[in-house]
């Protein structure tokens, strides 16, 4: 159960990181 939860959290974390990086890149290119 714990392994499944941590695996799901890791997947969500990688998605958040990729979204954050693309948003940062967008802000840098826009300025």
PDB file of N, CA and C in Angstrom:
ATOM      1  N   UNK A   1       0.831  -1.200   0.000  1.00  0.00           N
ATOM      2  CA  UNK A   1       0.000   0.000   0.000  1.00  0.00           C
ATOM      3  C   UNK A   1       0.871   1.257   0.000  1.00  0.00           C
ATOM      4  N   UNK A   2       1.870   1.266   0.871  1.00  0.00           N
ATOM      5  CA  UNK A   2       2.759   2.427   0.970  1.00  0.00           C
ATOM      6  C   UNK A   2       3.571   2.606  -0.316  1.00  0.00           C
ATOM      7  N   UNK A   3       4.005   1.478  -0.890  1.00  0.00           N
ATOM      8  CA  UNK A   3       4.794   1.540  -2.121  1.00  0.00           C
ATOM      9  C   UNK A   3       3.954   2.118  -3.261  1.00  0.00           C
ATOM     10  N   UNK A   4       2.701   1.705  -3.334  1.00  0.00           N
ATOM     11  CA  UNK A   4       1.795   2.204  -4.373  1.00  0.00           C
ATOM     12  C   UNK A   4       1.574   3.706  -4.213  1.00  0.00           C
ATOM     13  N   UNK A   5       1.416   4.135  -2.957  1.00  0.00           N
ATOM     14  CA  UNK A   5       1.182   5.556  -2.688  1.00  0.00           C
ATOM     15  C   UNK A   5       2.410   6.384  -3.036  1.00  0.00           C
ATOM     16  N   UNK A   6       3.595   5.894  -2.671  1.00  0.00           N
ATOM     17  CA  UNK A   6       4.824   6.640  -2.956  1.00  0.00           C
ATOM     18  C   UNK A   6       5.097   6.663  -4.464  1.00  0.00           C
ATOM     19  N   UNK A   7       4.733   5.570  -5.140  1.00  0.00           N
ATOM     20  CA  UNK A   7       4.917   5.518  -6.587  1.00  0.00           C
ATOM     21  C   UNK A   7       4.001   6.528  -7.267  1.00  0.00           C
ATOM     22  N   UNK A   8       2.771   6.627  -6.780  1.00  0.00           N
ATOM     23  CA  UNK A   8       1.807   7.575  -7.337  1.00  0.00           C
ATOM     24  C   UNK A   8       2.277   8.999  -7.069  1.00  0.00           C
ATOM     25  N   UNK A   9       2.815   9.242  -5.874  1.00  0.00           N
ATOM     26  CA  UNK A   9       3.299  10.570  -5.499  1.00  0.00           C
ATOM     27  C   UNK A   9       4.493  10.960  -6.369  1.00  0.00           C
ATOM     28  N   UNK A  10       5.345  10.003  -6.675  1.00  0.00           N
ATOM     29  CA  UNK A  10       6.507  10.269  -7.518  1.00  0.00           C
ATOM     30  C   UNK A  10       6.082  10.635  -8.935  1.00  0.00           C
ATOM     31  N   UNK A  11       5.043   9.969  -9.426  1.00  0.00           N
ATOM     32  CA  UNK A  11       4.533  10.263 -10.764  1.00  0.00           C
ATOM     33  C   UNK A  11       3.956  11.668 -10.801  1.00  0.00           C
ATOM     34  N   UNK A  12       3.201  12.008  -9.772  1.00  0.00           N
ATOM     35  CA  UNK A  12       2.608  13.346  -9.685  1.00  0.00           C
ATOM     36  C   UNK A  12       3.698  14.404  -9.572  1.00  0.00           C
ATOM     37  N   UNK A  13       4.751  14.091  -8.832  1.00  0.00           N
ATOM     38  CA  UNK A  13       5.858  15.030  -8.655  1.00  0.00           C
ATOM     39  C   UNK A  13       6.572  15.308  -9.972  1.00  0.00           C
ATOM     40  N   UNK A  14       6.786  14.266 -10.772  1.00  0.00           N
ATOM     41  CA  UNK A  14       7.468  14.460 -12.054  1.00  0.00           C
ATOM     42  C   UNK A  14       6.609  15.279 -13.012  1.00  0.00           C
ATOM     43  N   UNK A  15       5.297  15.085 -12.937  1.00  0.00           N
ATOM     44  CA  UNK A  15       4.378  15.867 -13.773  1.00  0.00           C
ATOM     45  C   UNK A  15       4.431  17.337 -13.364  1.00  0.00           C
ATOM     46  N   UNK A  16       4.443  17.582 -12.045  1.00  0.00           N
ATOM     47  CA  UNK A  16       4.505  18.962 -11.553  1.00  0.00           C
ATOM     48  C   UNK A  16       5.813  19.633 -11.951  1.00  0.00           C
ATOM     49  N   UNK A  17       6.909  18.890 -11.901  1.00  0.00           N
ATOM     50  CA  UNK A  17       8.216  19.437 -12.275  1.00  0.00           C
ATOM     51  C   UNK A  17       8.243  19.809 -13.758  1.00  0.00           C
ATOM     52  N   UNK A  18       7.703  18.940 -14.608  1.00  0.00           N
ATOM     53  CA  UNK A  18       7.703  19.232 -16.045  1.00  0.00           C
ATOM     54  C   UNK A  18       6.820  20.429 -16.369  1.00  0.00           C
ATOM     55  N   UNK A  19       5.682  20.531 -15.687  1.00  0.00           N
ATOM     56  CA  UNK A  19       4.786  21.674 -15.891  1.00  0.00           C
ATOM     57  C   UNK A  19       5.458  22.960 -15.413  1.00  0.00           C
ATOM     58  N   UNK A  20       6.123  22.886 -14.267  1.00  0.00           N
ATOM     59  CA  UNK A  20       6.806  24.057 -13.724  1.00  0.00           C
ATOM     60  C   UNK A  20       7.939  24.518 -14.624  1.00  0.00           C
ATOM     61  N   UNK A  21       8.683  23.572 -15.199  1.00  0.00           N
ATOM     62  CA  UNK A  21       9.784  23.928 -16.090  1.00  0.00           C
ATOM     63  C   UNK A  21       9.288  24.567 -17.372  1.00  0.00           C
ATOM     64  N   UNK A  22       8.209  24.040 -17.932  1.00  0.00           N
ATOM     65  CA  UNK A  22       7.677  24.621 -19.166  1.00  0.00           C
ATOM     66  C   UNK A  22       7.111  26.011 -18.908  1.00  0.00           C
ATOM     67  N   UNK A  23       6.517  26.207 -17.731  1.00  0.00           N
ATOM     68  CA  UNK A  23       5.979  27.523 -17.379  1.00  0.00           C
ATOM     69  C   UNK A  23       7.114  28.531 -17.200  1.00  0.00           C
ATOM     70  N   UNK A  24       8.199  28.086 -16.572  1.00  0.00           N
ATOM     71  CA  UNK A  24       9.358  28.955 -16.377  1.00  0.00           C
ATOM     72  C   UNK A  24       9.979  29.336 -17.721  1.00  0.00           C
ATOM     73  N   UNK A  25      10.066  28.366 -18.620  1.00  0.00           N
ATOM     74  CA  UNK A  25      10.613  28.621 -19.950  1.00  0.00           C
ATOM     75  C   UNK A  25       9.729  29.608 -20.707  1.00  0.00           C
ATOM     76  N   UNK A  26       8.421  29.466 -20.559  1.00  0.00           N
ATOM     77  CA  UNK A  26       7.476  30.378 -21.212  1.00  0.00           C
ATOM     78  C   UNK A  26       7.655  31.804 -20.697  1.00  0.00           C
ATOM     79  N   UNK A  27       7.818  31.941 -19.383  1.00  0.00           N
ATOM     80  CA  UNK A  27       8.001  33.273 -18.802  1.00  0.00           C
ATOM     81  C   UNK A  27       9.317  33.900 -19.246  1.00  0.00           C
ATOM     82  N   UNK A  28      10.356  33.072 -19.376  1.00  0.00           N
ATOM     83  CA  UNK A  28      11.656  33.586 -19.808  1.00  0.00           C
ATOM     84  C   UNK A  28      11.620  34.034 -21.268  1.00  0.00           C
ATOM     85  N   UNK A  29      10.923  33.284 -22.100  1.00  0.00           N
ATOM     86  CA  UNK A  29      10.857  33.628 -23.518  1.00  0.00           C
ATOM     87  C   UNK A  29       9.948  34.823 -23.770  1.00  0.00           C
ATOM     88  N   UNK A  30       8.964  35.009 -22.914  1.00  0.00           N
ATOM     89  CA  UNK A  30       8.005  36.088 -23.104  1.00  0.00           C
ATOM     90  C   UNK A  30       8.600  37.447 -22.759  1.00  0.00           C
ATOM     91  N   UNK A  31       9.489  37.482 -21.790  1.00  0.00           N
ATOM     92  CA  UNK A  31      10.038  38.776 -21.346  1.00  0.00           C
ATOM     93  C   UNK A  31      10.985  39.385 -22.389  1.00  0.00           C
TER      94      UNK A  31
END
